[in-house]
Amino acid sequence: MTEDTKERSRRYIAAVETALSGLKPITMPAIVARRDVERVVEVAKRYLSDSKYYAETGKDVTSLASISYAEGLLDALRFLKLGEFSWPKGLLSLKNRKDRNLETLESALS
């Protein structure tokens, strides 16, 4: 079965717009427990696992969505200074990531 990329994209965009419109920042400074950070890391690992599964089963759009979720969670931890890591140089440089994501998206839409 072919994934409907345009419809899926539309649903994701609508969901993010809804979430952002209802987002209420918490009072700062916030206290974040280590177990909460570990939970986010575990969720990122599950998205990675899901992405690999979907890539193996030919669901490339779902694979890309899953790995994008994992990447976003990891970036959020780093931006909030709740985790330290670096992306591999060259392999996922911002330009290369954008180019690869664009190529994947273009091939999925064609």
PDB file of N, CA and C in Angstrom:
ATOM      1  N   MET A   1       0.836  -1.178   0.000  1.00  0.00           N
ATOM      2  CA  MET A   1       0.000   0.000   0.000  1.00  0.00           C
ATOM      3  C   MET A   1       0.886   1.248   0.000  1.00  0.00           C
ATOM      4  N   THR A   2       0.571   2.198  -0.852  1.00  0.00           N
ATOM      5  CA  THR A   2       1.332   3.428  -0.963  1.00  0.00           C
ATOM      6  C   THR A   2       0.897   4.425   0.104  1.00  0.00           C
ATOM      7  N   GLU A   3       1.855   5.077   0.706  1.00  0.00           N
ATOM      8  CA  GLU A   3       1.540   6.080   1.719  1.00  0.00           C
ATOM      9  C   GLU A   3       1.112   7.380   1.037  1.00  0.00           C
ATOM     10  N   ASP A   4       0.070   7.993   1.532  1.00  0.00           N
ATOM     11  CA  ASP A   4      -0.393   9.267   1.013  1.00  0.00           C
ATOM     12  C   ASP A   4       0.377  10.376   1.713  1.00  0.00           C
ATOM     13  N   THR A   5       1.469  10.788   1.094  1.00  0.00           N
ATOM     14  CA  THR A   5       2.378  11.748   1.700  1.00  0.00           C
ATOM     15  C   THR A   5       1.722  13.101   1.911  1.00  0.00           C
ATOM     16  N   LYS A   6       0.996  13.586   0.921  1.00  0.00           N
ATOM     17  CA  LYS A   6       0.373  14.903   1.039  1.00  0.00           C
ATOM     18  C   LYS A   6      -0.643  14.932   2.175  1.00  0.00           C
ATOM     19  N   GLU A   7      -1.472  13.915   2.269  1.00  0.00           N
ATOM     20  CA  GLU A   7      -2.481  13.867   3.332  1.00  0.00           C
ATOM     21  C   GLU A   7      -1.815  13.742   4.695  1.00  0.00           C
ATOM     22  N   ARG A   8      -0.814  12.913   4.767  1.00  0.00           N
ATOM     23  CA  ARG A   8      -0.120  12.746   6.041  1.00  0.00           C
ATOM     24  C   ARG A   8       0.553  14.046   6.474  1.00  0.00           C
ATOM     25  N   SER A   9       1.186  14.715   5.534  1.00  0.00           N
ATOM     26  CA  SER A   9       1.820  15.992   5.825  1.00  0.00           C
ATOM     27  C   SER A   9       0.780  16.999   6.309  1.00  0.00           C
ATOM     28  N   ARG A  10      -0.364  17.043   5.649  1.00  0.00           N
ATOM     29  CA  ARG A  10      -1.426  17.963   6.043  1.00  0.00           C
ATOM     30  C   ARG A  10      -1.871  17.695   7.480  1.00  0.00           C
ATOM     31  N   ARG A  11      -2.022  16.419   7.833  1.00  0.00           N
ATOM     32  CA  ARG A  11      -2.449  16.065   9.198  1.00  0.00           C
ATOM     33  C   ARG A  11      -1.396  16.452  10.228  1.00  0.00           C
ATOM     34  N   TYR A  12      -0.121  16.197   9.916  1.00  0.00           N
ATOM     35  CA  TYR A  12       0.957  16.553  10.844  1.00  0.00           C
ATOM     36  C   TYR A  12       1.025  18.064  11.042  1.00  0.00           C
ATOM     37  N   ILE A  13       0.912  18.812   9.948  1.00  0.00           N
ATOM     38  CA  ILE A  13       0.952  20.270  10.046  1.00  0.00           C
ATOM     39  C   ILE A  13      -0.194  20.772  10.913  1.00  0.00           C
ATOM     40  N   ALA A  14      -1.388  20.261  10.684  1.00  0.00           N
ATOM     41  CA  ALA A  14      -2.552  20.678  11.477  1.00  0.00           C
ATOM     42  C   ALA A  14      -2.352  20.346  12.953  1.00  0.00           C
ATOM     43  N   ALA A  15      -1.810  19.181  13.237  1.00  0.00           N
ATOM     44  CA  ALA A  15      -1.597  18.776  14.629  1.00  0.00           C
ATOM     45  C   ALA A  15      -0.588  19.691  15.322  1.00  0.00           C
ATOM     46  N   VAL A  16       0.500  20.024  14.622  1.00  0.00           N
ATOM     47  CA  VAL A  16       1.518  20.895  15.215  1.00  0.00           C
ATOM     48  C   VAL A  16       0.962  22.310  15.401  1.00  0.00           C
ATOM     49  N   GLU A  17       0.211  22.791  14.433  1.00  0.00           N
ATOM     50  CA  GLU A  17      -0.400  24.115  14.587  1.00  0.00           C
ATOM     51  C   GLU A  17      -1.323  24.154  15.801  1.00  0.00           C
ATOM     52  N   THR A  18      -2.115  23.106  15.991  1.00  0.00           N
ATOM     53  CA  THR A  18      -3.015  23.031  17.141  1.00  0.00           C
ATOM     54  C   THR A  18      -2.225  23.002  18.442  1.00  0.00           C
ATOM     55  N   ALA A  19      -1.183  22.174  18.475  1.00  0.00           N
ATOM     56  CA  ALA A  19      -0.360  22.083  19.691  1.00  0.00           C
ATOM     57  C   ALA A  19       0.298  23.420  20.012  1.00  0.00           C
ATOM     58  N   LEU A  20       0.841  24.083  19.002  1.00  0.00           N
ATOM     59  CA  LEU A  20       1.500  25.369  19.233  1.00  0.00           C
ATOM     60  C   LEU A  20       0.516  26.438  19.679  1.00  0.00           C
ATOM     61  N   SER A  21      -0.690  26.409  19.132  1.00  0.00           N
ATOM     62  CA  SER A  21      -1.668  27.430  19.517  1.00  0.00           C
ATOM     63  C   SER A  21      -2.140  27.251  20.956  1.00  0.00           C
ATOM     64  N   GLY A  22      -2.070  26.029  21.467  1.00  0.00           N
ATOM     65  CA  GLY A  22      -2.487  25.777  22.846  1.00  0.00           C
ATOM     66  C   GLY A  22      -1.346  25.672  23.838  1.00  0.00           C
ATOM     67  N   LEU A  23      -0.124  25.847  23.359  1.00  0.00           N
ATOM     68  CA  LEU A  23       1.054  25.703  24.209  1.00  0.00           C
ATOM     69  C   LEU A  23       1.103  26.806  25.267  1.00  0.00           C
ATOM     70  N   LYS A  24       1.264  26.391  26.507  1.00  0.00           N
ATOM     71  CA  LYS A  24       1.388  27.338  27.614  1.00  0.00           C
ATOM     72  C   LYS A  24       2.712  27.059  28.320  1.00  0.00           C
ATOM     73  N   PRO A  25       3.676  27.966  28.151  1.00  0.00           N
ATOM     74  CA  PRO A  25       4.968  27.767  28.830  1.00  0.00           C
ATOM     75  C   PRO A  25       4.773  27.698  30.345  1.00  0.00           C
ATOM     76  N   ILE A  26       5.562  26.858  30.988  1.00  0.00           N
ATOM     77  CA  ILE A  26       5.463  26.735  32.442  1.00  0.00           C
ATOM     78  C   ILE A  26       6.294  27.822  33.111  1.00  0.00           C
ATOM     79  N   THR A  27       6.017  28.039  34.369  1.00  0.00           N
ATOM     80  CA  THR A  27       6.768  29.023  35.135  1.00  0.00           C
ATOM     81  C   THR A  27       8.210  28.556  35.275  1.00  0.00           C
ATOM     82  N   MET A  28       9.124  29.450  35.063  1.00  0.00           N
ATOM     83  CA  MET A  28      10.541  29.119  35.140  1.00  0.00           C
ATOM     84  C   MET A  28      11.110  29.625  36.459  1.00  0.00           C
ATOM     85  N   PRO A  29      12.111  29.048  37.023  1.00  0.00           N
ATOM     86  CA  PRO A  29      12.820  27.893  36.497  1.00  0.00           C
ATOM     87  C   PRO A  29      12.040  26.606  36.790  1.00  0.00           C
ATOM     88  N   ALA A  30      12.098  25.709  35.846  1.00  0.00           N
ATOM     89  CA  ALA A  30      11.427  24.425  35.978  1.00  0.00           C
ATOM     90  C   ALA A  30      12.396  23.400  36.556  1.00  0.00           C
ATOM     91  N   ILE A  31      11.861  22.439  37.252  1.00  0.00           N
ATOM     92  CA  ILE A  31      12.670  21.344  37.771  1.00  0.00           C
ATOM     93  C   ILE A  31      12.388  20.129  36.899  1.00  0.00           C
ATOM     94  N   VAL A  32      13.452  19.561  36.355  1.00  0.00           N
ATOM     95  CA  VAL A  32      13.311  18.397  35.488  1.00  0.00           C
ATOM     96  C   VAL A  32      14.027  17.231  36.154  1.00  0.00           C
ATOM     97  N   ALA A  33      13.285  16.172  36.398  1.00  0.00           N
ATOM     98  CA  ALA A  33      13.863  14.981  37.026  1.00  0.00           C
ATOM     99  C   ALA A  33      14.647  14.171  35.990  1.00  0.00           C
ATOM    100  N   ARG A  34      15.699  13.526  36.454  1.00  0.00           N
ATOM    101  CA  ARG A  34      16.511  12.685  35.575  1.00  0.00           C
ATOM    102  C   ARG A  34      15.651  11.630  34.884  1.00  0.00           C
ATOM    103  N   ARG A  35      14.691  11.068  35.597  1.00  0.00           N
ATOM    104  CA  ARG A  35      13.832  10.026  35.010  1.00  0.00           C
ATOM    105  C   ARG A  35      13.019  10.574  33.840  1.00  0.00           C
ATOM    106  N   ASP A  36      12.684  11.863  33.881  1.00  0.00           N
ATOM    107  CA  ASP A  36      11.952  12.468  32.767  1.00  0.00           C
ATOM    108  C   ASP A  36      12.835  12.596  31.532  1.00  0.00           C
ATOM    109  N   VAL A  37      14.091  12.966  31.734  1.00  0.00           N
ATOM    110  CA  VAL A  37      15.041  13.036  30.620  1.00  0.00           C
ATOM    111  C   VAL A  37      15.258  11.630  30.065  1.00  0.00           C
ATOM    112  N   GLU A  38      15.430  10.654  30.942  1.00  0.00           N
ATOM    113  CA  GLU A  38      15.622   9.271  30.500  1.00  0.00           C
ATOM    114  C   GLU A  38      14.417   8.767  29.720  1.00  0.00           C
ATOM    115  N   ARG A  39      13.232   9.185  30.117  1.00  0.00           N
ATOM    116  CA  ARG A  39      12.012   8.783  29.396  1.00  0.00           C
ATOM    117  C   ARG A  39      12.032   9.343  27.970  1.00  0.00           C
ATOM    118  N   VAL A  40      12.442  10.593  27.821  1.00  0.00           N
ATOM    119  CA  VAL A  40      12.528  11.194  26.489  1.00  0.00           C
ATOM    120  C   VAL A  40      13.550  10.439  25.638  1.00  0.00           C
ATOM    121  N   VAL A  41      14.679  10.068  26.226  1.00  0.00           N
ATOM    122  CA  VAL A  41      15.696   9.302  25.497  1.00  0.00           C
ATOM    123  C   VAL A  41      15.128   7.939  25.080  1.00  0.00           C
ATOM    124  N   GLU A  42      14.392   7.284  25.953  1.00  0.00           N
ATOM    125  CA  GLU A  42      13.785   5.991  25.611  1.00  0.00           C
ATOM    126  C   GLU A  42      12.773   6.134  24.469  1.00  0.00           C
ATOM    127  N   VAL A  43      11.997   7.197  24.490  1.00  0.00           N
ATOM    128  CA  VAL A  43      11.048   7.435  23.400  1.00  0.00           C
ATOM    129  C   VAL A  43      11.806   7.658  22.094  1.00  0.00           C
ATOM    130  N   ALA A  44      12.903   8.422  22.131  1.00  0.00           N
ATOM    131  CA  ALA A  44      13.719   8.634  20.932  1.00  0.00           C
ATOM    132  C   ALA A  44      14.258   7.304  20.408  1.00  0.00           C
ATOM    133  N   LYS A  45      14.685   6.427  21.313  1.00  0.00           N
ATOM    134  CA  LYS A  45      15.177   5.099  20.900  1.00  0.00           C
ATOM    135  C   LYS A  45      14.073   4.280  20.246  1.00  0.00           C
ATOM    136  N   ARG A  46      12.858   4.384  20.776  1.00  0.00           N
ATOM    137  CA  ARG A  46      11.739   3.655  20.161  1.00  0.00           C
ATOM    138  C   ARG A  46      11.431   4.192  18.768  1.00  0.00           C
ATOM    139  N   TYR A  47      11.497   5.519  18.608  1.00  0.00           N
ATOM    140  CA  TYR A  47      11.300   6.094  17.270  1.00  0.00           C
ATOM    141  C   TYR A  47      12.388   5.628  16.314  1.00  0.00           C
ATOM    142  N   LEU A  48      13.624   5.526  16.781  1.00  0.00           N
ATOM    143  CA  LEU A  48      14.712   5.013  15.954  1.00  0.00           C
ATOM    144  C   LEU A  48      14.405   3.585  15.520  1.00  0.00           C
ATOM    145  N   SER A  49      14.007   2.765  16.462  1.00  0.00           N
ATOM    146  CA  SER A  49      13.664   1.373  16.154  1.00  0.00           C
ATOM    147  C   SER A  49      12.511   1.305  15.154  1.00  0.00           C
ATOM    148  N   ASP A  50      11.496   2.125  15.379  1.00  0.00           N
ATOM    149  CA  ASP A  50      10.357   2.168  14.453  1.00  0.00           C
ATOM    150  C   ASP A  50      10.826   2.578  13.061  1.00  0.00           C
ATOM    151  N   SER A  51      11.696   3.584  12.992  1.00  0.00           N
ATOM    152  CA  SER A  51      12.183   4.067  11.706  1.00  0.00           C
ATOM    153  C   SER A  51      12.896   2.969  10.930  1.00  0.00           C
ATOM    154  N   LYS A  52      13.733   2.210  11.629  1.00  0.00           N
ATOM    155  CA  LYS A  52      14.441   1.104  10.969  1.00  0.00           C
ATOM    156  C   LYS A  52      13.453   0.066  10.447  1.00  0.00           C
ATOM    157  N   TYR A  53      12.458  -0.261  11.253  1.00  0.00           N
ATOM    158  CA  TYR A  53      11.441  -1.241  10.854  1.00  0.00           C
ATOM    159  C   TYR A  53      10.708  -0.765   9.592  1.00  0.00           C
ATOM    160  N   TYR A  54      10.251   0.490   9.624  1.00  0.00           N
ATOM    161  CA  TYR A  54       9.501   1.009   8.479  1.00  0.00           C
ATOM    162  C   TYR A  54      10.370   1.100   7.237  1.00  0.00           C
ATOM    163  N   ALA A  55      11.656   1.424   7.390  1.00  0.00           N
ATOM    164  CA  ALA A  55      12.566   1.466   6.237  1.00  0.00           C
ATOM    165  C   ALA A  55      12.704   0.070   5.628  1.00  0.00           C
ATOM    166  N   GLU A  56      12.790  -0.938   6.490  1.00  0.00           N
ATOM    167  CA  GLU A  56      12.931  -2.316   6.009  1.00  0.00           C
ATOM    168  C   GLU A  56      11.674  -2.825   5.317  1.00  0.00           C
ATOM    169  N   THR A  57      10.512  -2.284   5.691  1.00  0.00           N
ATOM    170  CA  THR A  57       9.248  -2.753   5.125  1.00  0.00           C
ATOM    171  C   THR A  57       8.743  -1.859   3.996  1.00  0.00           C
ATOM    172  N   GLY A  58       9.602  -0.926   3.541  1.00  0.00           N
ATOM    173  CA  GLY A  58       9.249  -0.108   2.396  1.00  0.00           C
ATOM    174  C   GLY A  58       8.353   1.081   2.691  1.00  0.00           C
ATOM    175  N   LYS A  59       8.162   1.389   3.949  1.00  0.00           N
ATOM    176  CA  LYS A  59       7.349   2.551   4.313  1.00  0.00           C
ATOM    177  C   LYS A  59       8.283   3.721   4.607  1.00  0.00           C
ATOM    178  N   ASP A  60       8.850   4.258   3.540  1.00  0.00           N
ATOM    179  CA  ASP A  60       9.893   5.275   3.665  1.00  0.00           C
ATOM    180  C   ASP A  60       9.385   6.572   4.290  1.00  0.00           C
ATOM    181  N   VAL A  61       8.170   6.966   3.983  1.00  0.00           N
ATOM    182  CA  VAL A  61       7.636   8.206   4.556  1.00  0.00           C
ATOM    183  C   VAL A  61       7.472   8.053   6.062  1.00  0.00           C
ATOM    184  N   THR A  62       6.936   6.925   6.496  1.00  0.00           N
ATOM    185  CA  THR A  62       6.769   6.670   7.928  1.00  0.00           C
ATOM    186  C   THR A  62       8.124   6.563   8.610  1.00  0.00           C
ATOM    187  N   SER A  63       9.082   5.954   7.925  1.00  0.00           N
ATOM    188  CA  SER A  63      10.444   5.860   8.459  1.00  0.00           C
ATOM    189  C   SER A  63      11.031   7.251   8.664  1.00  0.00           C
ATOM    190  N   LEU A  64      10.876   8.119   7.672  1.00  0.00           N
ATOM    191  CA  LEU A  64      11.399   9.477   7.778  1.00  0.00           C
ATOM    192  C   LEU A  64      10.701  10.242   8.898  1.00  0.00           C
ATOM    193  N   ALA A  65       9.391  10.080   9.019  1.00  0.00           N
ATOM    194  CA  ALA A  65       8.659  10.759  10.096  1.00  0.00           C
ATOM    195  C   ALA A  65       9.162  10.281  11.456  1.00  0.00           C
ATOM    196  N   SER A  66       9.348   8.984  11.604  1.00  0.00           N
ATOM    197  CA  SER A  66       9.791   8.427  12.881  1.00  0.00           C
ATOM    198  C   SER A  66      11.177   8.918  13.264  1.00  0.00           C
ATOM    199  N   ILE A  67      12.102   8.895  12.309  1.00  0.00           N
ATOM    200  CA  ILE A  67      13.461   9.319  12.641  1.00  0.00           C
ATOM    201  C   ILE A  67      13.503  10.828  12.872  1.00  0.00           C
ATOM    202  N   SER A  68      12.616  11.568  12.225  1.00  0.00           N
ATOM    203  CA  SER A  68      12.539  13.015  12.463  1.00  0.00           C
ATOM    204  C   SER A  68      12.059  13.302  13.879  1.00  0.00           C
ATOM    205  N   TYR A  69      11.116  12.499  14.373  1.00  0.00           N
ATOM    206  CA  TYR A  69      10.668  12.645  15.762  1.00  0.00           C
ATOM    207  C   TYR A  69      11.848  12.420  16.702  1.00  0.00           C
ATOM    208  N   ALA A  70      12.600  11.340  16.471  1.00  0.00           N
ATOM    209  CA  ALA A  70      13.745  11.026  17.331  1.00  0.00           C
ATOM    210  C   ALA A  70      14.747  12.168  17.310  1.00  0.00           C
ATOM    211  N   GLU A  71      15.043  12.672  16.126  1.00  0.00           N
ATOM    212  CA  GLU A  71      15.997  13.771  15.991  1.00  0.00           C
ATOM    213  C   GLU A  71      15.494  15.011  16.737  1.00  0.00           C
ATOM    214  N   GLY A  72      14.211  15.294  16.623  1.00  0.00           N
ATOM    215  CA  GLY A  72      13.641  16.453  17.307  1.00  0.00           C
ATOM    216  C   GLY A  72      13.716  16.341  18.817  1.00  0.00           C
ATOM    217  N   LEU A  73      13.452  15.142  19.330  1.00  0.00           N
ATOM    218  CA  LEU A  73      13.547  14.938  20.777  1.00  0.00           C
ATOM    219  C   LEU A  73      14.982  15.137  21.260  1.00  0.00           C
ATOM    220  N   LEU A  74      15.925  14.570  20.521  1.00  0.00           N
ATOM    221  CA  LEU A  74      17.333  14.727  20.911  1.00  0.00           C
ATOM    222  C   LEU A  74      17.767  16.185  20.828  1.00  0.00           C
ATOM    223  N   ASP A  75      17.375  16.871  19.763  1.00  0.00           N
ATOM    224  CA  ASP A  75      17.712  18.293  19.650  1.00  0.00           C
ATOM    225  C   ASP A  75      17.102  19.086  20.797  1.00  0.00           C
ATOM    226  N   ALA A  76      15.869  18.777  21.173  1.00  0.00           N
ATOM    227  CA  ALA A  76      15.216  19.493  22.278  1.00  0.00           C
ATOM    228  C   ALA A  76      16.006  19.305  23.573  1.00  0.00           C
ATOM    229  N   LEU A  77      16.441  18.077  23.845  1.00  0.00           N
ATOM    230  CA  LEU A  77      17.246  17.838  25.051  1.00  0.00           C
ATOM    231  C   LEU A  77      18.530  18.657  25.024  1.00  0.00           C
ATOM    232  N   ARG A  78      19.152  18.715  23.854  1.00  0.00           N
ATOM    233  CA  ARG A  78      20.399  19.478  23.728  1.00  0.00           C
ATOM    234  C   ARG A  78      20.134  20.980  23.863  1.00  0.00           C
ATOM    235  N   PHE A  79      19.096  21.484  23.211  1.00  0.00           N
ATOM    236  CA  PHE A  79      18.785  22.921  23.286  1.00  0.00           C
ATOM    237  C   PHE A  79      18.463  23.349  24.715  1.00  0.00           C
ATOM    238  N   LEU A  80      17.801  22.466  25.461  1.00  0.00           N
ATOM    239  CA  LEU A  80      17.443  22.763  26.851  1.00  0.00           C
ATOM    240  C   LEU A  80      18.585  22.467  27.817  1.00  0.00           C
ATOM    241  N   LYS A  81      19.719  22.044  27.264  1.00  0.00           N
ATOM    242  CA  LYS A  81      20.904  21.701  28.056  1.00  0.00           C
ATOM    243  C   LYS A  81      20.612  20.581  29.053  1.00  0.00           C
ATOM    244  N   LEU A  82      19.801  19.616  28.590  1.00  0.00           N
ATOM    245  CA  LEU A  82      19.470  18.449  29.398  1.00  0.00           C
ATOM    246  C   LEU A  82      20.189  17.205  28.893  1.00  0.00           C
ATOM    247  N   GLY A  83      20.984  17.370  27.862  1.00  0.00           N
ATOM    248  CA  GLY A  83      21.763  16.268  27.303  1.00  0.00           C
ATOM    249  C   GLY A  83      22.856  16.836  26.420  1.00  0.00           C
ATOM    250  N   GLU A  84      23.965  16.135  26.352  1.00  0.00           N
ATOM    251  CA  GLU A  84      25.091  16.564  25.526  1.00  0.00           C
ATOM    252  C   GLU A  84      25.414  15.488  24.509  1.00  0.00           C
ATOM    253  N   PHE A  85      25.535  15.882  23.280  1.00  0.00           N
ATOM    254  CA  PHE A  85      25.952  14.989  22.197  1.00  0.00           C
ATOM    255  C   PHE A  85      26.233  15.875  20.998  1.00  0.00           C
ATOM    256  N   SER A  86      26.796  15.289  19.968  1.00  0.00           N
ATOM    257  CA  SER A  86      26.958  16.028  18.719  1.00  0.00           C
ATOM    258  C   SER A  86      26.571  15.092  17.580  1.00  0.00           C
ATOM    259  N   TRP A  87      26.036  15.683  16.537  1.00  0.00           N
ATOM    260  CA  TRP A  87      25.703  14.897  15.353  1.00  0.00           C
ATOM    261  C   TRP A  87      26.992  14.585  14.613  1.00  0.00           C
ATOM    262  N   PRO A  88      27.087  13.431  13.956  1.00  0.00           N
ATOM    263  CA  PRO A  88      28.301  13.098  13.198  1.00  0.00           C
ATOM    264  C   PRO A  88      28.589  14.150  12.138  1.00  0.00           C
ATOM    265  N   LYS A  89      29.830  14.598  12.095  1.00  0.00           N
ATOM    266  CA  LYS A  89      30.209  15.610  11.114  1.00  0.00           C
ATOM    267  C   LYS A  89      30.149  15.015   9.713  1.00  0.00           C
ATOM    268  N   GLY A  90      29.640  15.809   8.782  1.00  0.00           N
ATOM    269  CA  GLY A  90      29.573  15.366   7.392  1.00  0.00           C
ATOM    270  C   GLY A  90      28.371  14.492   7.109  1.00  0.00           C
ATOM    271  N   LEU A  91      28.167  13.486   7.935  1.00  0.00           N
ATOM    272  CA  LEU A  91      27.061  12.554   7.705  1.00  0.00           C
ATOM    273  C   LEU A  91      25.726  13.265   7.787  1.00  0.00           C
ATOM    274  N   LEU A  92      25.560  14.086   8.785  1.00  0.00           N
ATOM    275  CA  LEU A  92      24.293  14.775   8.976  1.00  0.00           C
ATOM    276  C   LEU A  92      24.478  16.268   9.172  1.00  0.00           C
ATOM    277  N   SER A  93      25.396  16.867   8.405  1.00  0.00           N
ATOM    278  CA  SER A  93      25.519  18.315   8.511  1.00  0.00           C
ATOM    279  C   SER A  93      24.190  18.922   8.118  1.00  0.00           C
ATOM    280  N   LEU A  94      23.909  20.110   8.600  1.00  0.00           N
ATOM    281  CA  LEU A  94      22.613  20.732   8.348  1.00  0.00           C
ATOM    282  C   LEU A  94      22.307  20.745   6.857  1.00  0.00           C
ATOM    283  N   LYS A  95      23.258  21.122   6.031  1.00  0.00           N
ATOM    284  CA  LYS A  95      23.008  21.154   4.597  1.00  0.00           C
ATOM    285  C   LYS A  95      22.725  19.752   4.076  1.00  0.00           C
ATOM    286  N   ASN A  96      23.546  18.772   4.480  1.00  0.00           N
ATOM    287  CA  ASN A  96      23.334  17.401   4.009  1.00  0.00           C
ATOM    288  C   ASN A  96      21.996  16.860   4.482  1.00  0.00           C
ATOM    289  N   ARG A  97      21.622  17.154   5.747  1.00  0.00           N
ATOM    290  CA  ARG A  97      20.336  16.688   6.250  1.00  0.00           C
ATOM    291  C   ARG A  97      19.205  17.296   5.442  1.00  0.00           C
ATOM    292  N   LYS A  98      19.294  18.602   5.161  1.00  0.00           N
ATOM    293  CA  LYS A  98      18.236  19.246   4.388  1.00  0.00           C
ATOM    294  C   LYS A  98      18.169  18.653   2.988  1.00  0.00           C
ATOM    295  N   ASP A  99      19.334  18.459   2.356  1.00  0.00           N
ATOM    296  CA  ASP A  99      19.361  17.890   1.013  1.00  0.00           C
ATOM    297  C   ASP A  99      18.790  16.479   1.010  1.00  0.00           C
ATOM    298  N   ARG A 100      19.196  15.655   1.971  1.00  0.00           N
ATOM    299  CA  ARG A 100      18.707  14.274   2.032  1.00  0.00           C
ATOM    300  C   ARG A 100      17.219  14.237   2.303  1.00  0.00           C
ATOM    301  N   ASN A 101      16.760  15.068   3.248  1.00  0.00           N
ATOM    302  CA  ASN A 101      15.328  15.094   3.547  1.00  0.00           C
ATOM    303  C   ASN A 101      14.530  15.568   2.346  1.00  0.00           C
ATOM    304  N   LEU A 102      15.039  16.559   1.627  1.00  0.00           N
ATOM    305  CA  LEU A 102      14.354  17.070   0.453  1.00  0.00           C
ATOM    306  C   LEU A 102      14.299  15.999  -0.626  1.00  0.00           C
ATOM    307  N   GLU A 103      15.424  15.291  -0.846  1.00  0.00           N
ATOM    308  CA  GLU A 103      15.437  14.225  -1.855  1.00  0.00           C
ATOM    309  C   GLU A 103      14.447  13.128  -1.479  1.00  0.00           C
ATOM    310  N   THR A 104      14.395  12.745  -0.205  1.00  0.00           N
ATOM    311  CA  THR A 104      13.473  11.708   0.241  1.00  0.00           C
ATOM    312  C   THR A 104      12.035  12.160   0.054  1.00  0.00           C
ATOM    313  N   LEU A 105      11.754  13.394   0.431  1.00  0.00           N
ATOM    314  CA  LEU A 105      10.413  13.926   0.288  1.00  0.00           C
ATOM    315  C   LEU A 105      10.022  14.012  -1.192  1.00  0.00           C
ATOM    316  N   GLU A 106      10.944  14.504  -2.030  1.00  0.00           N
ATOM    317  CA  GLU A 106      10.639  14.615  -3.448  1.00  0.00           C
ATOM    318  C   GLU A 106      10.360  13.254  -4.063  1.00  0.00           C
ATOM    319  N   SER A 107      11.149  12.243  -3.703  1.00  0.00           N
ATOM    320  CA  SER A 107      10.928  10.913  -4.270  1.00  0.00           C
ATOM    321  C   SER A 107       9.619  10.322  -3.759  1.00  0.00           C
ATOM    322  N   ALA A 108       9.246  10.631  -2.523  1.00  0.00           N
ATOM    323  CA  ALA A 108       7.995  10.127  -1.973  1.00  0.00           C
ATOM    324  C   ALA A 108       6.801  10.782  -2.652  1.00  0.00           C
ATOM    325  N   LEU A 109       6.955  12.051  -3.047  1.00  0.00           N
ATOM    326  CA  LEU A 109       5.851  12.767  -3.690  1.00  0.00           C
ATOM    327  C   LEU A 109       5.714  12.441  -5.168  1.00  0.00           C
ATOM    328  N   SER A 110       6.773  11.874  -5.765  1.00  0.00           N
ATOM    329  CA  SER A 110       6.705  11.595  -7.213  1.00  0.00           C
ATOM    330  C   SER A 110       6.097  10.231  -7.497  1.00  0.00           C
TER     331      SER A 110
END
